[in-house]
Amino acid sequence: MPSALVLIADGTEEMEFTIVYDTLVRAGVNCTSVFITPSGSDKEEPGFARCSRGVRIVPDISQSQLSASSADKYDAIVIPGGAKGAETMSQSPFVQSLVKSFYDKENALVAKNFDYREDPVVISKGNLITSGLILLGTAFPFAFALVASLCGTEKRSEVINPMVFPSGTPLEDVVEI
């Protein structure tokens, strides 16, 4: 069974976190959410992440329970967007080290959901998936691209089929570069 480490920090966008986490779980991916504290903060880790719209999410573990070698225990690392959460994660030496460990691991998938461009979902260099402009509603196609990469396209179809979307919703808009 594939596994994914899904990062969350105060300010993470709720839908980007929950849609990806839930979709991966529906596909049978063993997900672990980890709370990331701001770099240089002496703030004690709270029992929840306060997301960008005030929703509180209780992560499975905190960053103090991980090490850079955690890349060996997971098949993917997912970094959801949300301005404040993305800022916290991008400035964290711990996250930078963790992402580098995943990226260097030949079969690891590094996924981020805050690359602001006009493309839908972009797959790059085999082990990197990045989502397009979030305002265009790419959280689901991003999640489905992760499922296809981790579990195969047949599993992606199994996950999509019982979900209800408006006609014409671009669920599999993936551009390979």
Protein backbone atom coordinates (compact mmCIF):
# COMPACT_ATOMS: atom_id res chain seq x y z
CA MET A 1 0.00 0.00 0.00
CA PRO A 2 1.46 3.38 -0.98
CA SER A 3 1.94 5.99 1.71
CA ALA A 4 2.02 9.77 1.75
CA LEU A 5 3.17 12.42 4.18
CA VAL A 6 0.84 15.44 3.91
CA LEU A 7 2.19 18.66 5.46
CA ILE A 8 -0.04 21.21 7.19
CA ALA A 9 0.72 24.51 8.94
CA ASP A 10 -1.28 27.40 10.30
CA GLY A 11 -2.65 29.16 7.21
CA THR A 12 -2.85 26.10 4.97
CA GLU A 13 -5.82 26.29 2.60
CA GLU A 14 -8.47 23.90 3.98
CA MET A 15 -9.69 22.50 0.67
CA GLU A 16 -6.21 21.91 -0.70
CA PHE A 17 -5.39 19.85 2.38
CA THR A 18 -8.67 17.98 2.86
CA ILE A 19 -9.43 17.21 -0.80
CA VAL A 20 -5.99 15.73 -1.35
CA TYR A 21 -5.92 13.85 1.96
CA ASP A 22 -9.44 12.45 1.50
CA THR A 23 -8.89 11.48 -2.15
CA LEU A 24 -5.66 9.66 -1.31
CA VAL A 25 -7.39 7.78 1.53
CA ARG A 26 -10.22 6.79 -0.85
CA ALA A 27 -7.54 5.32 -3.13
CA GLY A 28 -6.10 3.25 -0.29
CA VAL A 29 -3.03 5.42 0.31
CA ASN A 30 -1.86 5.38 3.93
CA CYS A 31 -1.74 9.12 4.77
CA THR A 32 -0.01 10.80 7.69
CA SER A 33 -0.49 14.52 8.26
CA VAL A 34 2.30 16.43 9.97
CA PHE A 35 2.08 19.87 11.59
CA ILE A 36 4.90 22.24 10.57
CA THR A 37 5.83 25.07 12.95
CA PRO A 38 7.23 28.40 11.71
CA SER A 39 11.02 28.44 11.37
CA GLY A 40 12.73 29.86 14.43
CA SER A 41 9.53 29.76 16.44
CA ASP A 42 9.68 28.79 20.06
CA LYS A 43 5.91 28.46 19.95
CA GLU A 44 4.73 25.15 21.33
CA GLU A 45 3.04 22.97 18.74
CA PRO A 46 -0.73 23.27 19.17
CA GLY A 47 -3.08 20.32 19.02
CA PHE A 48 -4.47 21.61 15.72
CA ALA A 49 -3.62 23.63 12.61
CA ARG A 50 -5.70 26.78 12.12
CA CYS A 51 -6.26 26.89 8.37
CA SER A 52 -6.68 29.95 6.16
CA ARG A 53 -10.43 30.26 6.78
CA GLY A 54 -10.25 29.39 10.47
CA VAL A 55 -11.05 25.68 10.16
CA ARG A 56 -9.11 23.66 12.72
CA ILE A 57 -7.55 20.38 11.63
CA VAL A 58 -5.87 17.97 14.02
CA PRO A 59 -2.72 16.58 12.39
CA ASP A 60 -1.63 12.99 12.98
CA ILE A 61 1.86 13.98 14.15
CA SER A 62 4.10 17.01 14.65
CA GLN A 63 7.36 17.77 12.87
CA SER A 64 9.28 16.87 16.03
CA GLN A 65 8.20 13.26 15.44
CA LEU A 66 9.92 13.16 12.02
CA SER A 67 13.46 13.27 10.73
CA ALA A 68 14.91 13.88 7.28
CA SER A 69 15.23 10.09 6.96
CA SER A 70 11.43 9.88 7.07
CA ALA A 71 11.54 9.91 3.26
CA ASP A 72 12.39 6.21 3.49
CA LYS A 73 9.05 5.49 5.19
CA TYR A 74 6.77 7.23 2.66
CA ASP A 75 6.25 7.13 -1.10
CA ALA A 76 5.24 10.77 -1.40
CA ILE A 77 5.26 14.12 0.33
CA VAL A 78 2.39 16.54 -0.36
CA ILE A 79 2.66 20.26 0.32
CA PRO A 80 -0.73 22.00 0.14
CA GLY A 81 -1.00 25.72 -0.55
CA GLY A 82 -2.56 28.59 1.32
CA ALA A 83 -0.48 31.75 1.53
CA LYS A 84 0.52 31.68 5.21
CA GLY A 85 0.93 27.89 5.33
CA ALA A 86 2.98 27.86 2.12
CA GLU A 87 5.17 30.65 3.48
CA THR A 88 5.76 28.73 6.73
CA MET A 89 6.66 25.57 4.84
CA SER A 90 8.85 27.25 2.22
CA GLN A 91 10.90 29.03 4.90
CA SER A 92 11.36 25.96 7.07
CA PRO A 93 14.85 24.40 6.93
CA PHE A 94 13.23 21.21 8.25
CA VAL A 95 10.77 21.10 5.31
CA GLN A 96 13.50 22.01 2.83
CA SER A 97 15.61 19.10 4.08
CA LEU A 98 12.62 16.75 4.05
CA VAL A 99 11.64 17.74 0.49
CA LYS A 100 15.23 17.31 -0.70
CA SER A 101 15.30 13.81 0.83
CA PHE A 102 12.09 12.90 -1.01
CA TYR A 103 13.23 14.44 -4.28
CA ASP A 104 16.58 12.63 -4.11
CA LYS A 105 14.88 9.31 -3.44
CA GLU A 106 14.48 7.84 -6.89
CA ASN A 107 10.92 6.53 -6.51
CA ALA A 108 9.57 9.29 -4.28
CA LEU A 109 6.89 11.65 -5.43
CA VAL A 110 7.16 15.27 -4.36
CA ALA A 111 3.89 17.13 -4.84
CA LYS A 112 3.01 20.72 -4.15
CA ASN A 113 -0.26 22.49 -4.67
CA PHE A 114 0.74 26.14 -4.91
CA ASP A 115 2.57 26.73 -8.15
CA TYR A 116 0.64 29.69 -9.51
CA ARG A 117 0.53 29.24 -13.27
CA GLU A 118 -2.25 28.90 -15.80
CA ASP A 119 -1.70 25.18 -16.51
CA PRO A 120 -4.09 22.66 -14.94
CA VAL A 121 -1.83 20.05 -13.34
CA VAL A 122 1.76 19.57 -14.44
CA ILE A 123 3.83 16.43 -14.03
CA SER A 124 7.53 17.13 -14.32
CA LYS A 125 10.59 14.85 -14.28
CA GLY A 126 8.63 11.81 -13.15
CA ASN A 127 8.71 12.44 -9.42
CA LEU A 128 7.32 15.96 -9.18
CA ILE A 129 3.68 16.96 -9.54
CA THR A 130 2.69 20.57 -9.16
CA SER A 131 -0.76 22.08 -9.42
CA GLY A 132 -1.75 25.09 -11.48
CA LEU A 133 -3.61 28.18 -10.40
CA ILE A 134 -5.72 27.22 -7.39
CA LEU A 135 -8.34 29.83 -8.23
CA LEU A 136 -9.17 27.66 -11.24
CA GLY A 137 -10.12 24.84 -8.86
CA THR A 138 -7.32 22.36 -9.41
CA ALA A 139 -7.39 20.58 -6.03
CA PHE A 140 -9.32 17.59 -7.40
CA PRO A 141 -7.29 17.15 -10.63
CA PHE A 142 -4.14 17.52 -8.50
CA ALA A 143 -5.36 14.81 -6.10
CA PHE A 144 -6.34 12.53 -8.99
CA ALA A 145 -2.90 12.98 -10.56
CA LEU A 146 -1.36 11.89 -7.26
CA VAL A 147 -3.62 8.81 -7.13
CA ALA A 148 -2.66 7.89 -10.71
CA SER A 149 1.02 8.29 -9.92
CA LEU A 150 0.90 6.33 -6.65
CA CYS A 151 -1.77 3.72 -7.47
CA GLY A 152 -2.27 3.71 -11.24
CA THR A 153 -4.87 5.08 -13.63
CA GLU A 154 -7.33 2.25 -12.96
CA LYS A 155 -7.44 3.18 -9.26
CA ARG A 156 -7.86 6.84 -10.22
CA SER A 157 -10.95 5.89 -12.25
CA GLU A 158 -12.30 3.81 -9.33
CA VAL A 159 -11.96 6.84 -7.04
CA ILE A 160 -13.48 9.33 -9.53
CA ASN A 161 -16.51 7.20 -10.56
CA PRO A 162 -18.61 7.46 -7.35
CA MET A 163 -17.88 11.18 -6.90
CA VAL A 164 -20.38 13.67 -8.29
CA PHE A 165 -19.04 16.62 -10.31
CA PRO A 166 -20.77 19.09 -12.64
CA SER A 167 -20.72 18.11 -16.30
CA GLY A 168 -17.52 19.21 -18.03
CA THR A 169 -15.40 19.35 -14.86
CA PRO A 170 -11.77 18.80 -15.94
CA LEU A 171 -10.85 15.93 -13.60
CA GLU A 172 -7.89 14.55 -15.46
CA ASP A 173 -6.27 17.68 -16.94
CA VAL A 174 -2.64 16.66 -16.74
CA VAL A 175 0.14 18.10 -18.84
CA GLU A 176 3.43 16.24 -18.91
CA ILE A 177 6.56 18.30 -19.44
